[in-house]
Amino acid sequence: MAVVTLSAVIHREGDLYVAECPELGTVSQGRTIEEAVANLKEATGLYLDEQEQLLTIAPAILTTFSIDTSNVEAA
């Protein structure tokens, strides 16, 4: 099996970190960033093991954007 480099997008939800692989759509979580990424690697490996054919994995495109929040009232 070839080594493939994938992306992990991480955000916090409550007490947990959620990690998502945008190229494949796999998601996992953990109490720390390191644990979330380790769990994502495991989940992604299991997902790829179940595939009957080799997937073509397109690289993720990451960008940023800005929005004007001056009209939004603070909670």
PDB file of N, CA and C in Angstrom:
ATOM      1  N   MET A   1       0.838  -1.184   0.000  1.00  0.00           N
ATOM      2  CA  MET A   1       0.000   0.000   0.000  1.00  0.00           C
ATOM      3  C   MET A   1       0.877   1.240   0.000  1.00  0.00           C
ATOM      4  N   ALA A   2       0.545   2.198  -0.845  1.00  0.00           N
ATOM      5  CA  ALA A   2       1.297   3.438  -0.944  1.00  0.00           C
ATOM      6  C   ALA A   2       0.933   4.377   0.197  1.00  0.00           C
ATOM      7  N   VAL A   3       1.855   5.249   0.542  1.00  0.00           N
ATOM      8  CA  VAL A   3       1.602   6.266   1.562  1.00  0.00           C
ATOM      9  C   VAL A   3       0.948   7.464   0.889  1.00  0.00           C
ATOM     10  N   VAL A   4      -0.151   7.924   1.449  1.00  0.00           N
ATOM     11  CA  VAL A   4      -0.881   9.065   0.909  1.00  0.00           C
ATOM     12  C   VAL A   4      -0.949  10.136   1.995  1.00  0.00           C
ATOM     13  N   THR A   5      -0.681  11.368   1.638  1.00  0.00           N
ATOM     14  CA  THR A   5      -0.809  12.474   2.583  1.00  0.00           C
ATOM     15  C   THR A   5      -2.161  13.124   2.393  1.00  0.00           C
ATOM     16  N   LEU A   6      -2.924  13.201   3.477  1.00  0.00           N
ATOM     17  CA  LEU A   6      -4.265  13.777   3.456  1.00  0.00           C
ATOM     18  C   LEU A   6      -4.327  14.969   4.410  1.00  0.00           C
ATOM     19  N   SER A   7      -5.407  15.708   4.344  1.00  0.00           N
ATOM     20  CA  SER A   7      -5.592  16.880   5.200  1.00  0.00           C
ATOM     21  C   SER A   7      -6.472  16.539   6.385  1.00  0.00           C
ATOM     22  N   ALA A   8      -6.279  17.264   7.471  1.00  0.00           N
ATOM     23  CA  ALA A   8      -7.154  17.175   8.634  1.00  0.00           C
ATOM     24  C   ALA A   8      -7.583  18.584   9.012  1.00  0.00           C
ATOM     25  N   VAL A   9      -8.889  18.810   9.030  1.00  0.00           N
ATOM     26  CA  VAL A   9      -9.452  20.082   9.478  1.00  0.00           C
ATOM     27  C   VAL A   9      -9.991  19.829  10.878  1.00  0.00           C
ATOM     28  N   ILE A  10      -9.553  20.639  11.829  1.00  0.00           N
ATOM     29  CA  ILE A  10      -9.893  20.388  13.225  1.00  0.00           C
ATOM     30  C   ILE A  10     -10.624  21.588  13.803  1.00  0.00           C
ATOM     31  N   HIS A  11     -11.703  21.299  14.534  1.00  0.00           N
ATOM     32  CA  HIS A  11     -12.399  22.356  15.269  1.00  0.00           C
ATOM     33  C   HIS A  11     -12.872  21.795  16.607  1.00  0.00           C
ATOM     34  N   ARG A  12     -13.190  22.694  17.501  1.00  0.00           N
ATOM     35  CA  ARG A  12     -13.598  22.288  18.842  1.00  0.00           C
ATOM     36  C   ARG A  12     -15.116  22.269  18.948  1.00  0.00           C
ATOM     37  N   GLU A  13     -15.652  21.227  19.574  1.00  0.00           N
ATOM     38  CA  GLU A  13     -17.076  21.120  19.883  1.00  0.00           C
ATOM     39  C   GLU A  13     -17.181  20.745  21.353  1.00  0.00           C
ATOM     40  N   GLY A  14     -17.522  21.709  22.190  1.00  0.00           N
ATOM     41  CA  GLY A  14     -17.602  21.442  23.623  1.00  0.00           C
ATOM     42  C   GLY A  14     -16.242  21.075  24.170  1.00  0.00           C
ATOM     43  N   ASP A  15     -16.163  19.910  24.804  1.00  0.00           N
ATOM     44  CA  ASP A  15     -14.910  19.442  25.402  1.00  0.00           C
ATOM     45  C   ASP A  15     -14.061  18.620  24.449  1.00  0.00           C
ATOM     46  N   LEU A  16     -14.514  18.429  23.221  1.00  0.00           N
ATOM     47  CA  LEU A  16     -13.816  17.563  22.279  1.00  0.00           C
ATOM     48  C   LEU A  16     -13.296  18.324  21.068  1.00  0.00           C
ATOM     49  N   TYR A  17     -12.276  17.767  20.446  1.00  0.00           N
ATOM     50  CA  TYR A  17     -11.800  18.244  19.153  1.00  0.00           C
ATOM     51  C   TYR A  17     -12.341  17.298  18.095  1.00  0.00           C
ATOM     52  N   VAL A  18     -12.846  17.856  17.010  1.00  0.00           N
ATOM     53  CA  VAL A  18     -13.370  17.075  15.894  1.00  0.00           C
ATOM     54  C   VAL A  18     -12.406  17.245  14.722  1.00  0.00           C
ATOM     55  N   ALA A  19     -11.985  16.138  14.139  1.00  0.00           N
ATOM     56  CA  ALA A  19     -11.064  16.155  13.002  1.00  0.00           C
ATOM     57  C   ALA A  19     -11.761  15.549  11.799  1.00  0.00           C
ATOM     58  N   GLU A  20     -11.661  16.240  10.668  1.00  0.00           N
ATOM     59  CA  GLU A  20     -12.298  15.771   9.431  1.00  0.00           C
ATOM     60  C   GLU A  20     -11.278  15.745   8.308  1.00  0.00           C
ATOM     61  N   CYS A  21     -11.333  14.698   7.502  1.00  0.00           N
ATOM     62  CA  CYS A  21     -10.511  14.591   6.300  1.00  0.00           C
ATOM     63  C   CYS A  21     -11.377  15.048   5.122  1.00  0.00           C
ATOM     64  N   PRO A  22     -11.148  16.251   4.582  1.00  0.00           N
ATOM     65  CA  PRO A  22     -12.018  16.753   3.518  1.00  0.00           C
ATOM     66  C   PRO A  22     -11.915  15.976   2.210  1.00  0.00           C
ATOM     67  N   GLU A  23     -10.791  15.335   1.967  1.00  0.00           N
ATOM     68  CA  GLU A  23     -10.648  14.580   0.728  1.00  0.00           C
ATOM     69  C   GLU A  23     -11.567  13.354   0.693  1.00  0.00           C
ATOM     70  N   LEU A  24     -11.804  12.736   1.855  1.00  0.00           N
ATOM     71  CA  LEU A  24     -12.583  11.496   1.896  1.00  0.00           C
ATOM     72  C   LEU A  24     -13.881  11.614   2.681  1.00  0.00           C
ATOM     73  N   GLY A  25     -14.001  12.646   3.511  1.00  0.00           N
ATOM     74  CA  GLY A  25     -15.207  12.823   4.302  1.00  0.00           C
ATOM     75  C   GLY A  25     -15.217  12.048   5.608  1.00  0.00           C
ATOM     76  N   THR A  26     -14.094  11.442   5.968  1.00  0.00           N
ATOM     77  CA  THR A  26     -14.040  10.730   7.243  1.00  0.00           C
ATOM     78  C   THR A  26     -13.901  11.736   8.382  1.00  0.00           C
ATOM     79  N   VAL A  27     -14.488  11.373   9.539  1.00  0.00           N
ATOM     80  CA  VAL A  27     -14.520  12.268  10.696  1.00  0.00           C
ATOM     81  C   VAL A  27     -14.276  11.456  11.950  1.00  0.00           C
ATOM     82  N   SER A  28     -13.587  12.057  12.911  1.00  0.00           N
ATOM     83  CA  SER A  28     -13.418  11.441  14.218  1.00  0.00           C
ATOM     84  C   SER A  28     -13.237  12.544  15.247  1.00  0.00           C
ATOM     85  N   GLN A  29     -13.064  12.151  16.500  1.00  0.00           N
ATOM     86  CA  GLN A  29     -12.933  13.142  17.569  1.00  0.00           C
ATOM     87  C   GLN A  29     -11.990  12.629  18.640  1.00  0.00           C
ATOM     88  N   GLY A  30     -11.586  13.537  19.533  1.00  0.00           N
ATOM     89  CA  GLY A  30     -10.727  13.158  20.648  1.00  0.00           C
ATOM     90  C   GLY A  30     -10.686  14.265  21.683  1.00  0.00           C
ATOM     91  N   ARG A  31     -10.145  13.943  22.847  1.00  0.00           N
ATOM     92  CA  ARG A  31     -10.051  14.932  23.926  1.00  0.00           C
ATOM     93  C   ARG A  31      -8.954  15.956  23.673  1.00  0.00           C
ATOM     94  N   THR A  32      -7.971  15.580  22.856  1.00  0.00           N
ATOM     95  CA  THR A  32      -6.887  16.489  22.474  1.00  0.00           C
ATOM     96  C   THR A  32      -6.800  16.505  20.946  1.00  0.00           C
ATOM     97  N   ILE A  33      -6.079  17.471  20.415  1.00  0.00           N
ATOM     98  CA  ILE A  33      -5.882  17.534  18.965  1.00  0.00           C
ATOM     99  C   ILE A  33      -5.158  16.275  18.491  1.00  0.00           C
ATOM    100  N   GLU A  34      -4.137  15.872  19.236  1.00  0.00           N
ATOM    101  CA  GLU A  34      -3.364  14.691  18.856  1.00  0.00           C
ATOM    102  C   GLU A  34      -4.237  13.441  18.835  1.00  0.00           C
ATOM    103  N   GLU A  35      -5.109  13.308  19.835  1.00  0.00           N
ATOM    104  CA  GLU A  35      -5.997  12.151  19.888  1.00  0.00           C
ATOM    105  C   GLU A  35      -7.012  12.181  18.751  1.00  0.00           C
ATOM    106  N   ALA A  36      -7.530  13.370  18.442  1.00  0.00           N
ATOM    107  CA  ALA A  36      -8.491  13.490  17.344  1.00  0.00           C
ATOM    108  C   ALA A  36      -7.845  13.100  16.018  1.00  0.00           C
ATOM    109  N   VAL A  37      -6.606  13.537  15.787  1.00  0.00           N
ATOM    110  CA  VAL A  37      -5.909  13.198  14.539  1.00  0.00           C
ATOM    111  C   VAL A  37      -5.575  11.705  14.498  1.00  0.00           C
ATOM    112  N   ALA A  38      -5.139  11.150  15.627  1.00  0.00           N
ATOM    113  CA  ALA A  38      -4.847   9.711  15.669  1.00  0.00           C
ATOM    114  C   ALA A  38      -6.115   8.908  15.378  1.00  0.00           C
ATOM    115  N   ASN A  39      -7.241   9.319  15.947  1.00  0.00           N
ATOM    116  CA  ASN A  39      -8.500   8.629  15.692  1.00  0.00           C
ATOM    117  C   ASN A  39      -8.946   8.791  14.254  1.00  0.00           C
ATOM    118  N   LEU A  40      -8.681   9.975  13.669  1.00  0.00           N
ATOM    119  CA  LEU A  40      -9.012  10.204  12.261  1.00  0.00           C
ATOM    120  C   LEU A  40      -8.169   9.308  11.360  1.00  0.00           C
ATOM    121  N   LYS A  41      -6.883   9.162  11.678  1.00  0.00           N
ATOM    122  CA  LYS A  41      -6.020   8.276  10.895  1.00  0.00           C
ATOM    123  C   LYS A  41      -6.543   6.848  10.931  1.00  0.00           C
ATOM    124  N   GLU A  42      -6.953   6.399  12.121  1.00  0.00           N
ATOM    125  CA  GLU A  42      -7.487   5.042  12.247  1.00  0.00           C
ATOM    126  C   GLU A  42      -8.788   4.893  11.449  1.00  0.00           C
ATOM    127  N   ALA A  43      -9.699   5.860  11.601  1.00  0.00           N
ATOM    128  CA  ALA A  43     -10.985   5.795  10.887  1.00  0.00           C
ATOM    129  C   ALA A  43     -10.778   5.835   9.382  1.00  0.00           C
ATOM    130  N   THR A  44      -9.849   6.666   8.923  1.00  0.00           N
ATOM    131  CA  THR A  44      -9.583   6.780   7.495  1.00  0.00           C
ATOM    132  C   THR A  44      -8.951   5.501   6.959  1.00  0.00           C
ATOM    133  N   GLY A  45      -8.041   4.906   7.731  1.00  0.00           N
ATOM    134  CA  GLY A  45      -7.441   3.638   7.330  1.00  0.00           C
ATOM    135  C   GLY A  45      -8.481   2.536   7.196  1.00  0.00           C
ATOM    136  N   LEU A  46      -9.404   2.468   8.160  1.00  0.00           N
ATOM    137  CA  LEU A  46     -10.482   1.477   8.093  1.00  0.00           C
ATOM    138  C   LEU A  46     -11.385   1.725   6.894  1.00  0.00           C
ATOM    139  N   TYR A  47     -11.672   3.004   6.625  1.00  0.00           N
ATOM    140  CA  TYR A  47     -12.503   3.355   5.465  1.00  0.00           C
ATOM    141  C   TYR A  47     -11.832   2.898   4.174  1.00  0.00           C
ATOM    142  N   LEU A  48     -10.546   3.188   4.046  1.00  0.00           N
ATOM    143  CA  LEU A  48      -9.832   2.807   2.823  1.00  0.00           C
ATOM    144  C   LEU A  48      -9.713   1.287   2.692  1.00  0.00           C
ATOM    145  N   ASP A  49      -9.579   0.572   3.810  1.00  0.00           N
ATOM    146  CA  ASP A  49      -9.528  -0.890   3.765  1.00  0.00           C
ATOM    147  C   ASP A  49     -10.810  -1.486   3.195  1.00  0.00           C
ATOM    148  N   GLU A  50     -11.936  -0.811   3.384  1.00  0.00           N
ATOM    149  CA  GLU A  50     -13.232  -1.304   2.923  1.00  0.00           C
ATOM    150  C   GLU A  50     -13.504  -1.001   1.450  1.00  0.00           C
ATOM    151  N   GLN A  51     -12.697  -0.145   0.849  1.00  0.00           N
ATOM    152  CA  GLN A  51     -12.911   0.217  -0.551  1.00  0.00           C
ATOM    153  C   GLN A  51     -12.492  -0.941  -1.448  1.00  0.00           C
ATOM    154  N   GLU A  52     -13.327  -1.259  -2.421  1.00  0.00           N
ATOM    155  CA  GLU A  52     -13.041  -2.378  -3.323  1.00  0.00           C
ATOM    156  C   GLU A  52     -12.120  -1.982  -4.471  1.00  0.00           C
ATOM    157  N   GLN A  53     -11.981  -0.691  -4.682  1.00  0.00           N
ATOM    158  CA  GLN A  53     -11.079  -0.231  -5.734  1.00  0.00           C
ATOM    159  C   GLN A  53     -10.297   0.965  -5.217  1.00  0.00           C
ATOM    160  N   LEU A  54      -9.183   1.213  -5.840  1.00  0.00           N
ATOM    161  CA  LEU A  54      -8.353   2.334  -5.444  1.00  0.00           C
ATOM    162  C   LEU A  54      -9.069   3.642  -5.756  1.00  0.00           C
ATOM    163  N   LEU A  55      -9.157   4.481  -4.758  1.00  0.00           N
ATOM    164  CA  LEU A  55      -9.815   5.774  -4.944  1.00  0.00           C
ATOM    165  C   LEU A  55      -8.847   6.774  -5.565  1.00  0.00           C
ATOM    166  N   THR A  56      -9.376   7.663  -6.362  1.00  0.00           N
ATOM    167  CA  THR A  56      -8.606   8.798  -6.827  1.00  0.00           C
ATOM    168  C   THR A  56      -8.841   9.909  -5.817  1.00  0.00           C
ATOM    169  N   ILE A  57      -7.803  10.283  -5.117  1.00  0.00           N
ATOM    170  CA  ILE A  57      -7.937  11.265  -4.050  1.00  0.00           C
ATOM    171  C   ILE A  57      -7.438  12.601  -4.553  1.00  0.00           C
ATOM    172  N   ALA A  58      -8.367  13.542  -4.685  1.00  0.00           N
ATOM    173  CA  ALA A  58      -8.010  14.884  -5.121  1.00  0.00           C
ATOM    174  C   ALA A  58      -7.564  15.696  -3.915  1.00  0.00           C
ATOM    175  N   PRO A  59      -6.534  16.505  -4.071  1.00  0.00           N
ATOM    176  CA  PRO A  59      -6.088  17.314  -2.943  1.00  0.00           C
ATOM    177  C   PRO A  59      -7.162  18.322  -2.530  1.00  0.00           C
ATOM    178  N   ALA A  60      -7.239  18.575  -1.237  1.00  0.00           N
ATOM    179  CA  ALA A  60      -8.188  19.562  -0.731  1.00  0.00           C
ATOM    180  C   ALA A  60      -7.692  20.958  -1.090  1.00  0.00           C
ATOM    181  N   ILE A  61      -8.608  21.855  -1.280  1.00  0.00           N
ATOM    182  CA  ILE A  61      -8.278  23.258  -1.516  1.00  0.00           C
ATOM    183  C   ILE A  61      -8.709  24.022  -0.275  1.00  0.00           C
ATOM    184  N   LEU A  62      -7.770  24.652   0.377  1.00  0.00           N
ATOM    185  CA  LEU A  62      -8.053  25.390   1.597  1.00  0.00           C
ATOM    186  C   LEU A  62      -7.912  26.870   1.318  1.00  0.00           C
ATOM    187  N   THR A  63      -8.919  27.622   1.710  1.00  0.00           N
ATOM    188  CA  THR A  63      -8.883  29.065   1.538  1.00  0.00           C
ATOM    189  C   THR A  63      -9.525  29.715   2.751  1.00  0.00           C
ATOM    190  N   THR A  64      -9.475  30.991   2.818  1.00  0.00           N
ATOM    191  CA  THR A  64     -10.142  31.734   3.880  1.00  0.00           C
ATOM    192  C   THR A  64     -11.075  32.758   3.245  1.00  0.00           C
ATOM    193  N   PHE A  65     -12.007  33.261   4.033  1.00  0.00           N
ATOM    194  CA  PHE A  65     -12.888  34.311   3.549  1.00  0.00           C
ATOM    195  C   PHE A  65     -13.261  35.210   4.723  1.00  0.00           C
ATOM    196  N   SER A  66     -13.691  36.412   4.430  1.00  0.00           N
ATOM    197  CA  SER A  66     -14.089  37.373   5.447  1.00  0.00           C
ATOM    198  C   SER A  66     -15.540  37.734   5.272  1.00  0.00           C
ATOM    199  N   ILE A  67     -16.207  38.004   6.389  1.00  0.00           N
ATOM    200  CA  ILE A  67     -17.590  38.478   6.335  1.00  0.00           C
ATOM    201  C   ILE A  67     -17.709  39.681   7.251  1.00  0.00           C
ATOM    202  N   ASP A  68     -18.644  40.539   6.957  1.00  0.00           N
ATOM    203  CA  ASP A  68     -18.891  41.731   7.750  1.00  0.00           C
ATOM    204  C   ASP A  68     -19.882  41.379   8.861  1.00  0.00           C
ATOM    205  N   THR A  69     -19.448  41.489  10.097  1.00  0.00           N
ATOM    206  CA  THR A  69     -20.309  41.175  11.235  1.00  0.00           C
ATOM    207  C   THR A  69     -20.756  42.419  11.977  1.00  0.00           C
ATOM    208  N   SER A  70     -20.575  43.590  11.374  1.00  0.00           N
ATOM    209  CA  SER A  70     -20.925  44.831  12.064  1.00  0.00           C
ATOM    210  C   SER A  70     -22.432  44.957  12.299  1.00  0.00           C
ATOM    211  N   ASN A  71     -23.252  44.262  11.538  1.00  0.00           N
ATOM    212  CA  ASN A  71     -24.710  44.328  11.711  1.00  0.00           C
ATOM    213  C   ASN A  71     -25.244  43.261  12.645  1.00  0.00           C
ATOM    214  N   VAL A  72     -24.361  42.400  13.191  1.00  0.00           N
ATOM    215  CA  VAL A  72     -24.796  41.302  14.049  1.00  0.00           C
ATOM    216  C   VAL A  72     -24.700  41.748  15.500  1.00  0.00           C
ATOM    217  N   GLU A  73     -25.795  41.547  16.234  1.00  0.00           N
ATOM    218  CA  GLU A  73     -25.815  41.915  17.650  1.00  0.00           C
ATOM    219  C   GLU A  73     -25.104  40.853  18.468  1.00  0.00           C
ATOM    220  N   ALA A  74     -24.367  41.302  19.471  1.00  0.00           N
ATOM    221  CA  ALA A  74     -23.680  40.374  20.372  1.00  0.00           C
ATOM    222  C   ALA A  74     -24.712  39.679  21.258  1.00  0.00           C
ATOM    223  N   ALA A  75     -24.467  38.414  21.565  1.00  0.00           N
ATOM    224  CA  ALA A  75     -25.393  37.644  22.407  1.00  0.00           C
ATOM    225  C   ALA A  75     -25.237  37.992  23.866  1.00  0.00           C
TER     226      ALA A  75
END
